[in-house]
């Protein structure tokens, strides 16, 4: 895993936009493979996940930390 990069997942909800810290550990054509840094609620009904959970996220929802200024 040499290409690990720190990033945020941007999640829009009725209460506003939330930034969830993740580590990007891989990539597909349209999605990034992400690993949660801390416990978080991901989009979906009752989708609470613990730190270390690996999931795919759309590339449009991922913002890398060096780009977030």
Protein backbone atom coordinates (compact mmCIF):
# COMPACT_ATOMS: atom_id res chain seq x y z
CA UNK A 1 0.00 0.00 0.00
CA UNK A 2 2.51 2.61 -1.05
CA UNK A 3 0.00 5.03 -2.58
CA UNK A 4 -2.03 5.72 0.57
CA UNK A 5 -3.27 9.32 0.67
CA UNK A 6 -5.17 11.23 3.33
CA UNK A 7 -8.52 12.61 2.17
CA UNK A 8 -12.06 13.56 3.18
CA UNK A 9 -15.39 12.15 2.02
CA UNK A 10 -17.95 14.92 1.56
CA UNK A 11 -21.43 13.83 2.67
CA UNK A 12 -24.46 16.09 2.11
CA UNK A 13 -27.44 15.64 4.43
CA UNK A 14 -30.41 17.63 5.66
CA UNK A 15 -28.24 19.10 8.41
CA UNK A 16 -25.48 20.30 6.08
CA UNK A 17 -22.24 19.01 4.62
CA UNK A 18 -20.00 16.75 6.66
CA UNK A 19 -16.33 15.91 6.06
CA UNK A 20 -15.36 12.37 7.08
CA UNK A 21 -11.58 11.72 7.26
CA UNK A 22 -10.44 8.65 5.31
CA UNK A 23 -7.31 7.10 3.82
CA UNK A 24 -7.47 6.31 0.09
CA UNK A 25 -5.88 2.88 -0.38
CA UNK A 26 -6.86 2.06 -3.97
CA UNK A 27 -8.67 3.17 -7.10
CA UNK A 28 -11.03 1.82 -9.76
CA UNK A 29 -12.19 3.56 -12.94
CA UNK A 30 -14.96 5.55 -11.20
CA UNK A 31 -14.37 5.08 -7.46
CA UNK A 32 -11.74 5.25 -4.74
CA UNK A 33 -11.25 2.44 -2.22
CA UNK A 34 -11.26 4.20 1.16
CA UNK A 35 -10.58 3.20 4.76
CA UNK A 36 -12.17 5.09 7.66
CA UNK A 37 -9.81 6.82 10.07
CA UNK A 38 -12.46 7.13 12.81
CA UNK A 39 -15.96 5.86 13.52
CA UNK A 40 -18.48 7.54 11.20
CA UNK A 41 -21.97 7.41 9.74
CA UNK A 42 -21.80 6.83 6.00
CA UNK A 43 -24.66 7.65 3.61
CA UNK A 44 -27.60 5.31 3.89
CA UNK A 45 -30.03 4.30 6.56
CA UNK A 46 -28.34 3.26 9.83
CA UNK A 47 -24.96 2.85 8.12
CA UNK A 48 -22.69 3.36 11.14
CA UNK A 49 -19.18 1.98 10.61
CA UNK A 50 -16.12 1.64 12.82
CA UNK A 51 -12.59 2.85 12.12
CA UNK A 52 -10.78 0.60 9.65
CA UNK A 53 -13.87 -0.17 7.56
CA UNK A 54 -13.02 -0.35 3.82
CA UNK A 55 -15.55 0.85 1.21
CA UNK A 56 -15.82 2.31 -2.30
CA UNK A 57 -16.68 6.00 -2.72
CA UNK A 58 -17.38 7.97 -5.92
CA UNK A 59 -14.44 10.08 -7.07
CA UNK A 60 -16.66 13.18 -7.01
CA UNK A 61 -17.15 12.79 -3.23
CA UNK A 62 -13.44 12.54 -2.32
CA UNK A 63 -11.33 15.62 -1.60
CA UNK A 64 -7.63 15.12 -0.89
CA UNK A 65 -6.19 17.07 2.04
CA UNK A 66 -3.60 18.95 0.00
CA UNK A 67 -6.43 20.14 -2.33
CA UNK A 68 -8.80 21.25 0.44
CA UNK A 69 -7.41 24.75 1.08
